[in-house]
Amino acid sequence: MTRTVAGIEIPDSAMAREVTELVRDAADDLLFGHSLRSYLWGMLHGRHRGLAPDPEMLYAAAMFHDLGLTPRYRRVDQRFELDGADAARDFLVDHGCSHAAARTVWLAVALHTTPEIPDRLEPEVALLIAGVSTDVVGAGADALTPEEIAEVCAAQPRTNFADGILHAFHAGMKDRPQTTFGTMNVDVLAHFDPEFTRVDLVDLVVKNPLPQ
């Protein structure tokens, strides 16, 4: 039976159920709940903005977006966003989705921590970062109604979320600090590790060994 939260239907196709099962198996309750809420927030933002994403593709993007923080999908040689993006693309192609749809989901996941650029792309790309940002830092919450916020949080509570998500970010990135350069992810490592040294772009420019 299709579940509806705040007027948003949660996809219940065979593929969507496989996505749900995959993420349930790989992620803990905190990341699973965050991923589901990100889909709901994203769809609500789409409703208010007049955007019409493919719900199943946005659902896949939302559910895969933080898999790079999990032990099963985490790598140490690239940004965690790419881990989830690559996994989502492979999953969708293997399940018969078009390469264009898989590419859109890949972009949504890969860019979900990169502000502004997603807003110029497909609805699924724009609305994933909108949903994620609402759940993590409250961005855009003022565009939602109090009733929508209450219903989503009642259906998928944000219990101890702030502390939990910060620790999840740290656990997923501490073994690949070099991948956080140029991203907001560097703030997490600086918060948890007093010996962490940020790479400074200005320093790299000044010390460029090429002749001038």
Protein backbone atom coordinates (compact mmCIF):
# COMPACT_ATOMS: atom_id res chain seq x y z
CA MET A 1 0.00 0.00 0.00
CA THR A 2 1.33 3.42 -0.97
CA ARG A 3 2.22 5.56 2.04
CA THR A 4 1.41 9.26 1.96
CA VAL A 5 3.02 11.91 4.19
CA ALA A 6 1.99 15.58 4.04
CA GLY A 7 0.22 14.83 0.76
CA ILE A 8 3.38 13.30 -0.77
CA GLU A 9 3.28 9.70 -1.93
CA ILE A 10 6.35 7.60 -1.17
CA PRO A 11 7.12 5.54 -4.29
CA ASP A 12 6.14 1.89 -3.94
CA SER A 13 7.07 0.35 -7.28
CA ALA A 14 9.13 -2.84 -7.35
CA MET A 15 12.27 -0.80 -8.01
CA ALA A 16 11.48 1.69 -5.25
CA ARG A 17 11.01 -1.17 -2.81
CA GLU A 18 14.43 -2.52 -3.84
CA VAL A 19 15.94 0.91 -3.23
CA THR A 20 14.34 1.03 0.20
CA GLU A 21 15.60 -2.44 1.07
CA LEU A 22 19.12 -1.66 -0.18
CA VAL A 23 19.38 1.49 1.94
CA ARG A 24 17.76 -0.17 4.97
CA ASP A 25 20.43 -2.87 4.74
CA ALA A 26 23.40 -0.52 4.30
CA ALA A 27 22.53 2.47 6.49
CA ASP A 28 21.55 2.92 10.11
CA ASP A 29 18.22 4.35 11.22
CA LEU A 30 19.57 7.90 11.36
CA LEU A 31 20.77 7.95 7.75
CA PHE A 32 17.72 6.09 6.51
CA GLY A 33 15.38 8.57 8.21
CA HIS A 34 17.37 11.52 6.92
CA SER A 35 17.21 10.15 3.37
CA LEU A 36 13.46 9.61 3.51
CA ARG A 37 12.82 13.06 4.96
CA SER A 38 15.05 14.58 2.28
CA TYR A 39 12.77 13.07 -0.36
CA LEU A 40 9.67 14.39 1.38
CA TRP A 41 11.11 17.88 1.87
CA GLY A 42 12.28 17.91 -1.75
CA MET A 43 8.87 16.95 -3.08
CA LEU A 44 7.21 19.58 -0.89
CA HIS A 45 9.61 22.23 -2.17
CA GLY A 46 8.78 21.10 -5.70
CA ARG A 47 5.09 21.54 -4.99
CA HIS A 48 5.64 25.07 -3.69
CA ARG A 49 8.03 26.00 -6.52
CA GLY A 50 5.90 24.56 -9.29
CA LEU A 51 8.51 21.94 -10.21
CA ALA A 52 7.47 18.46 -11.28
CA PRO A 53 10.24 15.91 -10.69
CA ASP A 54 9.94 12.23 -11.47
CA PRO A 55 9.06 11.02 -7.94
CA GLU A 56 10.76 7.66 -8.38
CA MET A 57 14.00 9.25 -9.60
CA LEU A 58 13.99 11.83 -6.81
CA TYR A 59 13.30 9.03 -4.34
CA ALA A 60 16.27 7.05 -5.66
CA ALA A 61 18.50 10.13 -5.46
CA ALA A 62 17.41 10.90 -1.90
CA MET A 63 17.85 7.34 -0.70
CA PHE A 64 21.30 6.94 -2.29
CA HIS A 65 22.66 10.39 -1.50
CA ASP A 66 24.47 9.49 1.76
CA LEU A 67 25.41 5.87 1.03
CA GLY A 68 29.01 7.05 0.68
CA LEU A 69 29.02 7.54 4.46
CA THR A 70 28.25 3.88 5.10
CA PRO A 71 30.89 1.14 5.55
CA ARG A 72 29.55 -0.83 2.61
CA TYR A 73 29.81 1.96 0.05
CA ARG A 74 32.50 4.18 1.54
CA ARG A 75 35.74 4.60 -0.40
CA VAL A 76 38.83 6.58 0.57
CA ASP A 77 39.90 7.90 -2.83
CA GLN A 78 37.00 10.20 -3.72
CA ARG A 79 34.35 12.46 -2.21
CA PHE A 80 31.57 10.65 -0.40
CA GLU A 81 29.02 12.26 -2.69
CA LEU A 82 30.55 10.38 -5.62
CA ASP A 83 30.25 7.05 -3.82
CA GLY A 84 26.49 7.42 -3.60
CA ALA A 85 26.21 8.90 -7.09
CA ASP A 86 28.11 6.01 -8.67
CA ALA A 87 26.06 3.44 -6.75
CA ALA A 88 22.78 5.10 -7.76
CA ARG A 89 23.72 5.28 -11.44
CA ASP A 90 24.80 1.64 -11.55
CA PHE A 91 21.64 0.53 -9.76
CA LEU A 92 19.33 2.44 -12.09
CA VAL A 93 21.05 1.27 -15.27
CA ASP A 94 20.98 -2.32 -14.02
CA HIS A 95 17.23 -1.92 -13.45
CA GLY A 96 16.52 -0.78 -16.99
CA CYS A 97 16.35 2.98 -16.48
CA SER A 98 17.59 5.17 -19.30
CA HIS A 99 21.12 6.48 -19.20
CA ALA A 100 19.68 10.01 -19.23
CA ALA A 101 17.62 9.34 -16.10
CA ALA A 102 20.58 7.65 -14.40
CA ARG A 103 22.78 10.62 -15.27
CA THR A 104 20.27 13.05 -13.76
CA VAL A 105 20.21 11.06 -10.52
CA TRP A 106 24.01 10.88 -10.59
CA LEU A 107 24.19 14.67 -10.87
CA ALA A 108 21.65 15.12 -8.08
CA VAL A 109 23.64 12.99 -5.66
CA ALA A 110 27.07 14.26 -6.74
CA LEU A 111 25.98 17.90 -6.35
CA HIS A 112 23.84 17.62 -3.24
CA THR A 113 26.38 19.56 -1.13
CA THR A 114 27.15 22.14 -3.83
CA PRO A 115 24.92 25.23 -3.48
CA GLU A 116 23.37 27.21 -6.35
CA ILE A 117 24.46 25.09 -9.34
CA PRO A 118 21.72 22.45 -8.83
CA ASP A 119 19.04 25.15 -9.06
CA ARG A 120 19.91 25.61 -12.75
CA LEU A 121 19.55 21.90 -13.54
CA GLU A 122 16.77 19.31 -13.73
CA PRO A 123 14.04 19.31 -11.04
CA GLU A 124 15.43 16.14 -9.45
CA VAL A 125 18.84 17.80 -9.07
CA ALA A 126 17.43 21.05 -7.70
CA LEU A 127 15.03 19.38 -5.31
CA LEU A 128 17.44 16.86 -3.81
CA ILE A 129 19.73 19.57 -2.47
CA ALA A 130 16.66 21.55 -1.39
CA GLY A 131 15.39 18.59 0.63
CA VAL A 132 18.78 17.69 2.08
CA SER A 133 19.51 21.29 3.05
CA THR A 134 16.17 21.61 4.81
CA ASP A 135 16.76 18.47 6.84
CA VAL A 136 20.40 19.22 7.75
CA VAL A 137 20.48 22.98 8.33
CA GLY A 138 16.86 24.11 8.03
CA ALA A 139 17.41 25.97 4.76
CA GLY A 140 14.12 26.70 3.03
CA ALA A 141 12.01 25.60 5.98
CA ASP A 142 10.26 28.97 5.93
CA ALA A 143 8.84 28.06 2.51
CA LEU A 144 6.99 25.09 4.00
CA THR A 145 3.81 25.23 6.07
CA PRO A 146 3.87 24.42 9.78
CA GLU A 147 1.47 21.56 9.06
CA GLU A 148 3.81 20.06 6.44
CA ILE A 149 6.79 20.27 8.78
CA ALA A 150 4.85 18.74 11.66
CA GLU A 151 3.55 15.85 9.55
CA VAL A 152 6.95 14.95 8.10
CA CYS A 153 8.64 15.09 11.49
CA ALA A 154 5.88 13.02 13.06
CA ALA A 155 6.15 10.36 10.36
CA GLN A 156 9.97 10.27 10.47
CA PRO A 157 11.22 11.87 13.71
CA ARG A 158 14.54 13.75 13.80
CA THR A 159 15.56 12.21 17.15
CA ASN A 160 19.08 13.35 18.19
CA PHE A 161 19.62 14.22 14.55
CA ALA A 162 22.07 17.13 14.81
CA ASP A 163 24.63 15.22 16.84
CA GLY A 164 24.04 12.01 14.94
CA ILE A 165 24.48 13.42 11.46
CA LEU A 166 27.66 15.27 12.40
CA HIS A 167 29.18 12.04 13.71
CA ALA A 168 28.02 10.22 10.57
CA PHE A 169 29.70 12.84 8.40
CA HIS A 170 32.91 12.55 10.39
CA ALA A 171 32.96 8.76 10.31
CA GLY A 172 32.44 8.78 6.57
CA MET A 173 35.17 11.30 5.77
CA LYS A 174 37.90 11.02 8.41
CA ASP A 175 39.84 8.46 6.38
CA ARG A 176 39.87 10.64 3.24
CA PRO A 177 40.51 14.19 4.43
CA GLN A 178 42.05 15.17 1.10
CA THR A 179 38.65 14.79 -0.57
CA THR A 180 37.11 17.57 1.51
CA PHE A 181 39.21 20.35 -0.01
CA GLY A 182 37.01 23.00 -1.60
CA THR A 183 33.82 21.72 0.01
CA MET A 184 31.79 22.42 3.14
CA ASN A 185 32.79 18.94 4.33
CA VAL A 186 36.09 20.35 5.55
CA ASP A 187 34.19 22.06 8.38
CA VAL A 188 33.24 18.67 9.83
CA LEU A 189 36.83 17.43 10.02
CA ALA A 190 37.99 20.72 11.53
CA HIS A 191 35.28 20.38 14.20
CA PHE A 192 36.21 16.85 15.27
CA ASP A 193 40.00 16.80 14.81
CA PRO A 194 41.99 19.60 16.49
CA GLU A 195 45.09 18.55 14.53
CA PHE A 196 43.38 18.74 11.15
CA THR A 197 44.95 21.31 8.81
CA ARG A 198 42.85 22.83 6.07
CA VAL A 199 44.34 23.16 2.61
CA ASP A 200 44.36 26.85 1.73
CA LEU A 201 43.69 27.77 -1.90
CA VAL A 202 45.54 31.07 -1.59
CA ASP A 203 48.58 29.21 -0.27
CA LEU A 204 48.44 26.82 -3.24
CA VAL A 205 48.28 29.74 -5.68
CA VAL A 206 51.19 31.58 -4.07
CA LYS A 207 53.36 28.44 -3.90
CA ASN A 208 52.60 27.26 -7.44
CA PRO A 209 55.97 25.93 -8.72
CA LEU A 210 55.34 26.92 -12.32
CA PRO A 211 57.53 29.78 -13.62
CA GLN A 212 56.07 33.26 -13.60
